[in-house]
Protein backbone atom coordinates (compact mmCIF):
# COMPACT_ATOMS: atom_id res chain seq x y z
CA MET A 1 43.14 -125.97 104.44
CA ASP A 2 46.27 -123.87 103.43
CA VAL A 3 46.41 -121.50 106.86
CA ALA A 4 49.40 -119.29 105.87
CA HIS A 5 47.19 -117.15 104.04
CA HIS A 6 43.52 -115.97 104.59
CA HIS A 7 40.26 -116.82 103.54
CA PRO A 8 37.83 -113.35 103.74
CA LYS A 9 34.05 -113.96 102.77
CA VAL A 10 31.66 -111.43 100.68
CA ARG A 11 28.80 -111.34 101.98
CA ARG A 12 25.59 -108.98 101.70
CA ALA A 13 24.83 -106.39 104.07
CA SER A 14 22.06 -103.78 104.33
CA ALA A 15 23.61 -101.14 102.13
CA GLY A 16 25.63 -102.87 100.27
CA TRP A 17 29.04 -105.58 100.31
CA ALA A 18 31.02 -105.85 102.94
CA TRP A 19 33.32 -109.38 103.40
CA ASP A 20 34.99 -110.16 107.41
CA CYS A 21 37.66 -113.19 107.27
CA SER A 22 38.46 -115.61 110.26
CA CYS A 23 41.30 -113.71 111.49
CA GLY A 24 39.26 -111.57 112.88
CA GLY A 25 39.57 -108.21 110.12
CA ALA A 26 36.91 -107.02 107.83
CA SER A 27 35.36 -104.11 105.68
CA CYS A 28 34.05 -101.35 107.14
CA ARG A 29 31.29 -102.24 109.81
CA THR A 30 29.66 -99.63 110.45
CA GLY A 31 27.28 -99.01 108.22
CA VAL A 32 27.88 -95.75 106.50
CA VAL A 33 30.05 -96.28 103.66
CA SER A 34 28.81 -98.93 102.21
CA PHE A 35 30.46 -100.89 99.18
CA SER A 36 29.66 -102.41 95.77
CA TRP A 37 29.89 -106.55 94.92
CA ARG A 38 33.05 -105.35 93.37
CA GLU A 39 34.65 -102.96 95.58
CA ALA A 40 33.88 -106.11 98.62
CA VAL A 41 34.97 -108.29 96.66
CA ILE A 42 39.13 -106.18 95.39
CA SER A 43 38.69 -105.85 99.01
CA ALA A 44 38.61 -109.26 100.44
CA LEU A 45 41.22 -110.20 97.65
CA ASN A 46 43.93 -107.90 98.80
CA HIS A 47 42.93 -108.92 101.59
CA ALA A 48 43.72 -112.70 100.60
CA ALA A 49 47.00 -111.96 99.59
CA THR A 50 48.39 -110.72 102.91
CA LEU A 51 50.07 -113.42 105.09
CA ALA A 52 47.73 -114.73 108.27
CA PRO A 53 50.53 -113.58 111.14
């Protein structure tokens, strides 16, 4: 596995879609903001493009 990059996973949330990563990063978890599937995927891909610490 490539540990230099993040590997977020998109999942179905109660009010839409969310993503989270093993580094602890994640989309908004408050439930106030809901993402469409496309928005969650794009946000997760942006996170994946950054180098892991």
